[in-house]
């Protein structure tokens, strides 16, 4: 955990992020949130919470815009 830089009104907040292991796991991950926008975990992210959603949740907290879940296509076999 570390102290984030002050926001536009001068308030600093504790910040931390934790992964359960060194690999990138497929599928949903066990998650919990506390503090600013914590309620989004049970509303906007209630269907699933993948690794990409950690970034999406930080983005909406920092910039106020919820990014769409990236719907991609299967990579071409090499």
PDB file of N, CA and C in Angstrom:
ATOM      1  N   UNK A   1       0.843  -1.168   0.000  1.00  0.00           N
ATOM      2  CA  UNK A   1       0.000   0.000   0.000  1.00  0.00           C
ATOM      3  C   UNK A   1       0.891   1.235   0.000  1.00  0.00           C
ATOM      4  N   UNK A   2       0.458   2.243  -0.720  1.00  0.00           N
ATOM      5  CA  UNK A   2       1.205   3.493  -0.722  1.00  0.00           C
ATOM      6  C   UNK A   2       0.228   4.655  -0.723  1.00  0.00           C
ATOM      7  N   UNK A   3       0.740   5.827  -0.497  1.00  0.00           N
ATOM      8  CA  UNK A   3      -0.072   7.028  -0.488  1.00  0.00           C
ATOM      9  C   UNK A   3      -0.043   7.640  -1.881  1.00  0.00           C
ATOM     10  N   UNK A   4      -1.208   7.788  -2.494  1.00  0.00           N
ATOM     11  CA  UNK A   4      -1.291   8.358  -3.832  1.00  0.00           C
ATOM     12  C   UNK A   4      -1.010   9.855  -3.766  1.00  0.00           C
ATOM     13  N   UNK A   5      -0.632  10.410  -4.892  1.00  0.00           N
ATOM     14  CA  UNK A   5      -0.409  11.850  -4.977  1.00  0.00           C
ATOM     15  C   UNK A   5      -1.703  12.594  -4.640  1.00  0.00           C
ATOM     16  N   UNK A   6      -1.616  13.802  -4.131  1.00  0.00           N
ATOM     17  CA  UNK A   6      -2.827  14.565  -3.812  1.00  0.00           C
ATOM     18  C   UNK A   6      -3.706  14.787  -5.043  1.00  0.00           C
ATOM     19  N   UNK A   7      -5.029  14.722  -4.840  1.00  0.00           N
ATOM     20  CA  UNK A   7      -5.946  14.995  -5.938  1.00  0.00           C
ATOM     21  C   UNK A   7      -6.106  16.500  -6.122  1.00  0.00           C
ATOM     22  N   UNK A   8      -7.039  16.916  -6.951  1.00  0.00           N
ATOM     23  CA  UNK A   8      -7.161  18.350  -7.257  1.00  0.00           C
ATOM     24  C   UNK A   8      -7.585  19.202  -6.069  1.00  0.00           C
ATOM     25  N   UNK A   9      -8.112  18.572  -5.000  1.00  0.00           N
ATOM     26  CA  UNK A   9      -8.442  19.350  -3.796  1.00  0.00           C
ATOM     27  C   UNK A   9      -7.430  19.117  -2.684  1.00  0.00           C
ATOM     28  N   UNK A  10      -6.319  18.448  -3.013  1.00  0.00           N
ATOM     29  CA  UNK A  10      -5.232  18.270  -2.061  1.00  0.00           C
ATOM     30  C   UNK A  10      -5.333  17.059  -1.158  1.00  0.00           C
ATOM     31  N   UNK A  11      -6.333  16.204  -1.373  1.00  0.00           N
ATOM     32  CA  UNK A  11      -6.522  15.028  -0.524  1.00  0.00           C
ATOM     33  C   UNK A  11      -5.680  13.862  -1.036  1.00  0.00           C
ATOM     34  N   UNK A  12      -4.980  13.183  -0.123  1.00  0.00           N
ATOM     35  CA  UNK A  12      -4.224  11.987  -0.489  1.00  0.00           C
ATOM     36  C   UNK A  12      -4.981  10.767   0.010  1.00  0.00           C
ATOM     37  N   UNK A  13      -4.852   9.650  -0.698  1.00  0.00           N
ATOM     38  CA  UNK A  13      -5.533   8.410  -0.336  1.00  0.00           C
ATOM     39  C   UNK A  13      -4.560   7.254  -0.395  1.00  0.00           C
ATOM     40  N   UNK A  14      -4.799   6.245   0.456  1.00  0.00           N
ATOM     41  CA  UNK A  14      -3.993   5.036   0.402  1.00  0.00           C
ATOM     42  C   UNK A  14      -4.417   4.236  -0.820  1.00  0.00           C
ATOM     43  N   UNK A  15      -3.478   3.562  -1.445  1.00  0.00           N
ATOM     44  CA  UNK A  15      -3.747   2.817  -2.663  1.00  0.00           C
ATOM     45  C   UNK A  15      -2.963   1.518  -2.629  1.00  0.00           C
ATOM     46  N   UNK A  16      -3.605   0.438  -3.013  1.00  0.00           N
ATOM     47  CA  UNK A  16      -2.894  -0.833  -3.122  1.00  0.00           C
ATOM     48  C   UNK A  16      -3.578  -1.706  -4.153  1.00  0.00           C
ATOM     49  N   UNK A  17      -2.833  -2.651  -4.667  1.00  0.00           N
ATOM     50  CA  UNK A  17      -3.331  -3.605  -5.633  1.00  0.00           C
ATOM     51  C   UNK A  17      -2.620  -4.915  -5.363  1.00  0.00           C
ATOM     52  N   UNK A  18      -3.341  -6.017  -5.425  1.00  0.00           N
ATOM     53  CA  UNK A  18      -2.760  -7.310  -5.095  1.00  0.00           C
ATOM     54  C   UNK A  18      -3.209  -8.352  -6.095  1.00  0.00           C
ATOM     55  N   UNK A  19      -2.273  -9.118  -6.599  1.00  0.00           N
ATOM     56  CA  UNK A  19      -2.586 -10.261  -7.444  1.00  0.00           C
ATOM     57  C   UNK A  19      -2.330 -11.523  -6.640  1.00  0.00           C
ATOM     58  N   UNK A  20      -3.097 -12.579  -6.940  1.00  0.00           N
ATOM     59  CA  UNK A  20      -2.989 -13.812  -6.165  1.00  0.00           C
ATOM     60  C   UNK A  20      -1.792 -14.666  -6.545  1.00  0.00           C
ATOM     61  N   UNK A  21      -1.169 -14.384  -7.664  1.00  0.00           N
ATOM     62  CA  UNK A  21      -0.021 -15.175  -8.077  1.00  0.00           C
ATOM     63  C   UNK A  21       0.703 -14.519  -9.231  1.00  0.00           C
ATOM     64  N   UNK A  22       1.801 -15.115  -9.686  1.00  0.00           N
ATOM     65  CA  UNK A  22       2.603 -14.501 -10.740  1.00  0.00           C
ATOM     66  C   UNK A  22       2.016 -14.645 -12.146  1.00  0.00           C
ATOM     67  N   UNK A  23       1.094 -15.601 -12.335  1.00  0.00           N
ATOM     68  CA  UNK A  23       0.557 -15.846 -13.682  1.00  0.00           C
ATOM     69  C   UNK A  23      -0.674 -14.983 -13.952  1.00  0.00           C
ATOM     70  N   UNK A  24      -1.036 -14.871 -15.218  1.00  0.00           N
ATOM     71  CA  UNK A  24      -2.267 -14.192 -15.632  1.00  0.00           C
ATOM     72  C   UNK A  24      -3.339 -15.272 -15.718  1.00  0.00           C
ATOM     73  N   UNK A  25      -4.240 -15.303 -14.773  1.00  0.00           N
ATOM     74  CA  UNK A  25      -5.250 -16.345 -14.709  1.00  0.00           C
ATOM     75  C   UNK A  25      -6.429 -16.009 -15.605  1.00  0.00           C
ATOM     76  N   UNK A  26      -6.948 -17.004 -16.295  1.00  0.00           N
ATOM     77  CA  UNK A  26      -8.123 -16.812 -17.146  1.00  0.00           C
ATOM     78  C   UNK A  26      -9.383 -16.878 -16.294  1.00  0.00           C
ATOM     79  N   UNK A  27     -10.393 -16.129 -16.691  1.00  0.00           N
ATOM     80  CA  UNK A  27     -11.671 -16.167 -15.986  1.00  0.00           C
ATOM     81  C   UNK A  27     -11.728 -15.175 -14.848  1.00  0.00           C
ATOM     82  N   UNK A  28     -12.841 -15.206 -14.154  1.00  0.00           N
ATOM     83  CA  UNK A  28     -13.089 -14.256 -13.070  1.00  0.00           C
ATOM     84  C   UNK A  28     -12.130 -14.467 -11.902  1.00  0.00           C
ATOM     85  N   UNK A  29     -11.876 -13.402 -11.168  1.00  0.00           N
ATOM     86  CA  UNK A  29     -10.998 -13.468 -10.011  1.00  0.00           C
ATOM     87  C   UNK A  29     -11.761 -12.988  -8.779  1.00  0.00           C
ATOM     88  N   UNK A  30     -11.420 -13.509  -7.627  1.00  0.00           N
ATOM     89  CA  UNK A  30     -12.029 -13.090  -6.375  1.00  0.00           C
ATOM     90  C   UNK A  30     -11.625 -11.651  -6.095  1.00  0.00           C
ATOM     91  N   UNK A  31     -12.595 -10.795  -5.778  1.00  0.00           N
ATOM     92  CA  UNK A  31     -12.316  -9.369  -5.642  1.00  0.00           C
ATOM     93  C   UNK A  31     -13.073  -8.765  -4.475  1.00  0.00           C
ATOM     94  N   UNK A  32     -12.475  -7.751  -3.893  1.00  0.00           N
ATOM     95  CA  UNK A  32     -13.171  -6.926  -2.910  1.00  0.00           C
ATOM     96  C   UNK A  32     -12.633  -5.518  -3.026  1.00  0.00           C
ATOM     97  N   UNK A  33     -13.459  -4.551  -2.647  1.00  0.00           N
ATOM     98  CA  UNK A  33     -13.065  -3.153  -2.767  1.00  0.00           C
ATOM     99  C   UNK A  33     -13.532  -2.387  -1.539  1.00  0.00           C
ATOM    100  N   UNK A  34     -12.781  -1.337  -1.234  1.00  0.00           N
ATOM    101  CA  UNK A  34     -13.121  -0.459  -0.120  1.00  0.00           C
ATOM    102  C   UNK A  34     -12.742   0.957  -0.517  1.00  0.00           C
ATOM    103  N   UNK A  35     -13.548   1.923  -0.141  1.00  0.00           N
ATOM    104  CA  UNK A  35     -13.225   3.312  -0.413  1.00  0.00           C
ATOM    105  C   UNK A  35     -13.978   3.854  -1.613  1.00  0.00           C
ATOM    106  N   UNK A  36     -13.406   4.861  -2.233  1.00  0.00           N
ATOM    107  CA  UNK A  36     -14.029   5.557  -3.353  1.00  0.00           C
ATOM    108  C   UNK A  36     -14.390   4.584  -4.470  1.00  0.00           C
ATOM    109  N   UNK A  37     -15.633   4.591  -4.892  1.00  0.00           N
ATOM    110  CA  UNK A  37     -16.174   3.751  -5.964  1.00  0.00           C
ATOM    111  C   UNK A  37     -16.217   2.262  -5.639  1.00  0.00           C
ATOM    112  N   UNK A  38     -16.066   1.877  -4.379  1.00  0.00           N
ATOM    113  CA  UNK A  38     -16.118   0.466  -3.997  1.00  0.00           C
ATOM    114  C   UNK A  38     -17.448  -0.170  -4.397  1.00  0.00           C
ATOM    115  N   UNK A  39     -18.520   0.613  -4.389  1.00  0.00           N
ATOM    116  CA  UNK A  39     -19.841   0.074  -4.732  1.00  0.00           C
ATOM    117  C   UNK A  39     -19.919  -0.400  -6.179  1.00  0.00           C
ATOM    118  N   UNK A  40     -19.030   0.079  -7.034  1.00  0.00           N
ATOM    119  CA  UNK A  40     -19.034  -0.344  -8.434  1.00  0.00           C
ATOM    120  C   UNK A  40     -18.750  -1.836  -8.580  1.00  0.00           C
ATOM    121  N   UNK A  41     -18.031  -2.406  -7.624  1.00  0.00           N
ATOM    122  CA  UNK A  41     -17.712  -3.833  -7.690  1.00  0.00           C
ATOM    123  C   UNK A  41     -18.986  -4.667  -7.660  1.00  0.00           C
ATOM    124  N   UNK A  42     -19.983  -4.230  -6.915  1.00  0.00           N
ATOM    125  CA  UNK A  42     -21.232  -4.997  -6.836  1.00  0.00           C
ATOM    126  C   UNK A  42     -22.316  -4.475  -7.781  1.00  0.00           C
ATOM    127  N   UNK A  43     -22.028  -3.405  -8.515  1.00  0.00           N
ATOM    128  CA  UNK A  43     -23.021  -2.893  -9.468  1.00  0.00           C
ATOM    129  C   UNK A  43     -22.519  -3.041 -10.899  1.00  0.00           C
ATOM    130  N   UNK A  44     -21.564  -2.259 -11.304  1.00  0.00           N
ATOM    131  CA  UNK A  44     -21.063  -2.274 -12.684  1.00  0.00           C
ATOM    132  C   UNK A  44     -20.220  -3.503 -13.009  1.00  0.00           C
ATOM    133  N   UNK A  45     -19.596  -4.110 -11.993  1.00  0.00           N
ATOM    134  CA  UNK A  45     -18.716  -5.254 -12.225  1.00  0.00           C
ATOM    135  C   UNK A  45     -19.278  -6.538 -11.623  1.00  0.00           C
ATOM    136  N   UNK A  46     -20.599  -6.598 -11.403  1.00  0.00           N
ATOM    137  CA  UNK A  46     -21.180  -7.735 -10.696  1.00  0.00           C
ATOM    138  C   UNK A  46     -21.238  -9.014 -11.527  1.00  0.00           C
ATOM    139  N   UNK A  47     -21.295  -8.904 -12.842  1.00  0.00           N
ATOM    140  CA  UNK A  47     -21.381 -10.099 -13.685  1.00  0.00           C
ATOM    141  C   UNK A  47     -20.067 -10.875 -13.700  1.00  0.00           C
ATOM    142  N   UNK A  48     -18.955 -10.159 -13.675  1.00  0.00           N
ATOM    143  CA  UNK A  48     -17.624 -10.789 -13.674  1.00  0.00           C
ATOM    144  C   UNK A  48     -16.602  -9.732 -13.277  1.00  0.00           C
ATOM    145  N   UNK A  49     -15.441 -10.180 -12.860  1.00  0.00           N
ATOM    146  CA  UNK A  49     -14.340  -9.266 -12.567  1.00  0.00           C
ATOM    147  C   UNK A  49     -13.060  -9.951 -13.010  1.00  0.00           C
ATOM    148  N   UNK A  50     -12.623  -9.640 -14.214  1.00  0.00           N
ATOM    149  CA  UNK A  50     -11.404 -10.213 -14.781  1.00  0.00           C
ATOM    150  C   UNK A  50     -10.226  -9.287 -14.504  1.00  0.00           C
ATOM    151  N   UNK A  51      -9.028  -9.730 -14.856  1.00  0.00           N
ATOM    152  CA  UNK A  51      -7.832  -8.916 -14.637  1.00  0.00           C
ATOM    153  C   UNK A  51      -7.954  -7.531 -15.266  1.00  0.00           C
ATOM    154  N   UNK A  52      -8.535  -7.453 -16.451  1.00  0.00           N
ATOM    155  CA  UNK A  52      -8.684  -6.161 -17.134  1.00  0.00           C
ATOM    156  C   UNK A  52      -9.571  -5.209 -16.336  1.00  0.00           C
ATOM    157  N   UNK A  53     -10.462  -5.768 -15.511  1.00  0.00           N
ATOM    158  CA  UNK A  53     -11.371  -4.929 -14.737  1.00  0.00           C
ATOM    159  C   UNK A  53     -10.668  -4.183 -13.611  1.00  0.00           C
ATOM    160  N   UNK A  54      -9.519  -4.664 -13.158  1.00  0.00           N
ATOM    161  CA  UNK A  54      -8.740  -3.905 -12.170  1.00  0.00           C
ATOM    162  C   UNK A  54      -8.336  -2.569 -12.789  1.00  0.00           C
ATOM    163  N   UNK A  55      -7.888  -2.605 -14.036  1.00  0.00           N
ATOM    164  CA  UNK A  55      -7.534  -1.372 -14.755  1.00  0.00           C
ATOM    165  C   UNK A  55      -8.771  -0.513 -14.979  1.00  0.00           C
ATOM    166  N   UNK A  56      -9.884  -1.125 -15.399  1.00  0.00           N
ATOM    167  CA  UNK A  56     -11.111  -0.372 -15.666  1.00  0.00           C
ATOM    168  C   UNK A  56     -11.623   0.316 -14.405  1.00  0.00           C
ATOM    169  N   UNK A  57     -11.509  -0.353 -13.256  1.00  0.00           N
ATOM    170  CA  UNK A  57     -11.975   0.244 -12.009  1.00  0.00           C
ATOM    171  C   UNK A  57     -11.066   1.400 -11.586  1.00  0.00           C
ATOM    172  N   UNK A  58      -9.754   1.244 -11.763  1.00  0.00           N
ATOM    173  CA  UNK A  58      -8.847   2.355 -11.466  1.00  0.00           C
ATOM    174  C   UNK A  58      -9.122   3.527 -12.403  1.00  0.00           C
ATOM    175  N   UNK A  59      -9.380   3.246 -13.674  1.00  0.00           N
ATOM    176  CA  UNK A  59      -9.617   4.300 -14.664  1.00  0.00           C
ATOM    177  C   UNK A  59     -10.854   5.113 -14.310  1.00  0.00           C
ATOM    178  N   UNK A  60     -11.947   4.436 -13.965  1.00  0.00           N
ATOM    179  CA  UNK A  60     -13.173   5.170 -13.632  1.00  0.00           C
ATOM    180  C   UNK A  60     -12.983   5.986 -12.350  1.00  0.00           C
ATOM    181  N   UNK A  61     -12.183   5.493 -11.428  1.00  0.00           N
ATOM    182  CA  UNK A  61     -11.931   6.235 -10.194  1.00  0.00           C
ATOM    183  C   UNK A  61     -11.055   7.456 -10.458  1.00  0.00           C
ATOM    184  N   UNK A  62     -10.049   7.308 -11.307  1.00  0.00           N
ATOM    185  CA  UNK A  62      -9.140   8.417 -11.586  1.00  0.00           C
ATOM    186  C   UNK A  62      -9.713   9.440 -12.564  1.00  0.00           C
ATOM    187  N   UNK A  63     -10.444   8.971 -13.579  1.00  0.00           N
ATOM    188  CA  UNK A  63     -10.859   9.860 -14.663  1.00  0.00           C
ATOM    189  C   UNK A  63     -12.365  10.031 -14.807  1.00  0.00           C
ATOM    190  N   UNK A  64     -13.161   9.286 -14.019  1.00  0.00           N
ATOM    191  CA  UNK A  64     -14.610   9.461 -14.041  1.00  0.00           C
ATOM    192  C   UNK A  64     -15.322   8.873 -15.237  1.00  0.00           C
ATOM    193  N   UNK A  65     -14.646   8.021 -16.011  1.00  0.00           N
ATOM    194  CA  UNK A  65     -15.269   7.415 -17.185  1.00  0.00           C
ATOM    195  C   UNK A  65     -15.085   5.906 -17.111  1.00  0.00           C
ATOM    196  N   UNK A  66     -16.203   5.170 -17.159  1.00  0.00           N
ATOM    197  CA  UNK A  66     -16.135   3.713 -17.141  1.00  0.00           C
ATOM    198  C   UNK A  66     -15.879   3.212 -18.554  1.00  0.00           C
ATOM    199  N   UNK A  67     -14.752   2.552 -18.755  1.00  0.00           N
ATOM    200  CA  UNK A  67     -14.411   2.007 -20.066  1.00  0.00           C
ATOM    201  C   UNK A  67     -15.229   0.748 -20.338  1.00  0.00           C
ATOM    202  N   UNK A  68     -15.603   0.542 -21.605  1.00  0.00           N
ATOM    203  CA  UNK A  68     -16.308  -0.673 -21.991  1.00  0.00           C
ATOM    204  C   UNK A  68     -15.378  -1.868 -21.813  1.00  0.00           C
ATOM    205  N   UNK A  69     -15.986  -3.037 -21.527  1.00  0.00           N
ATOM    206  CA  UNK A  69     -15.190  -4.260 -21.478  1.00  0.00           C
ATOM    207  C   UNK A  69     -14.722  -4.551 -22.900  1.00  0.00           C
ATOM    208  N   UNK A  70     -13.441  -4.797 -23.091  1.00  0.00           N
ATOM    209  CA  UNK A  70     -12.940  -5.008 -24.454  1.00  0.00           C
ATOM    210  C   UNK A  70     -13.403  -6.354 -25.007  1.00  0.00           C
ATOM    211  N   UNK A  71     -14.214  -6.303 -26.021  1.00  0.00           N
ATOM    212  CA  UNK A  71     -14.691  -7.531 -26.686  1.00  0.00           C
ATOM    213  C   UNK A  71     -13.833  -7.704 -27.925  1.00  0.00           C
ATOM    214  N   UNK A  72     -12.941  -8.647 -27.882  1.00  0.00           N
ATOM    215  CA  UNK A  72     -12.029  -8.850 -29.001  1.00  0.00           C
ATOM    216  C   UNK A  72     -12.368 -10.102 -29.777  1.00  0.00           C
ATOM    217  N   UNK A  73     -11.475 -10.481 -30.630  1.00  0.00           N
ATOM    218  CA  UNK A  73     -11.642 -11.696 -31.406  1.00  0.00           C
ATOM    219  C   UNK A  73     -10.470 -12.632 -31.110  1.00  0.00           C
ATOM    220  N   UNK A  74     -10.644 -13.861 -31.460  1.00  0.00           N
ATOM    221  CA  UNK A  74      -9.590 -14.849 -31.233  1.00  0.00           C
ATOM    222  C   UNK A  74      -8.379 -14.533 -32.104  1.00  0.00           C
ATOM    223  N   UNK A  75      -7.214 -14.650 -31.524  1.00  0.00           N
ATOM    224  CA  UNK A  75      -5.978 -14.372 -32.254  1.00  0.00           C
ATOM    225  C   UNK A  75      -5.773 -15.397 -33.368  1.00  0.00           C
ATOM    226  N   UNK A  76      -5.149 -14.966 -34.414  1.00  0.00           N
ATOM    227  CA  UNK A  76      -4.856 -15.851 -35.541  1.00  0.00           C
ATOM    228  C   UNK A  76      -3.794 -16.862 -35.106  1.00  0.00           C
ATOM    229  N   UNK A  77      -4.002 -18.120 -35.433  1.00  0.00           N
ATOM    230  CA  UNK A  77      -3.027 -19.163 -35.100  1.00  0.00           C
ATOM    231  C   UNK A  77      -1.762 -18.954 -35.924  1.00  0.00           C
ATOM    232  N   UNK A  78      -0.627 -19.204 -35.301  1.00  0.00           N
ATOM    233  CA  UNK A  78       0.639 -18.989 -36.015  1.00  0.00           C
ATOM    234  C   UNK A  78       1.219 -20.279 -36.498  1.00  0.00           C
TER     235      UNK A  78
END
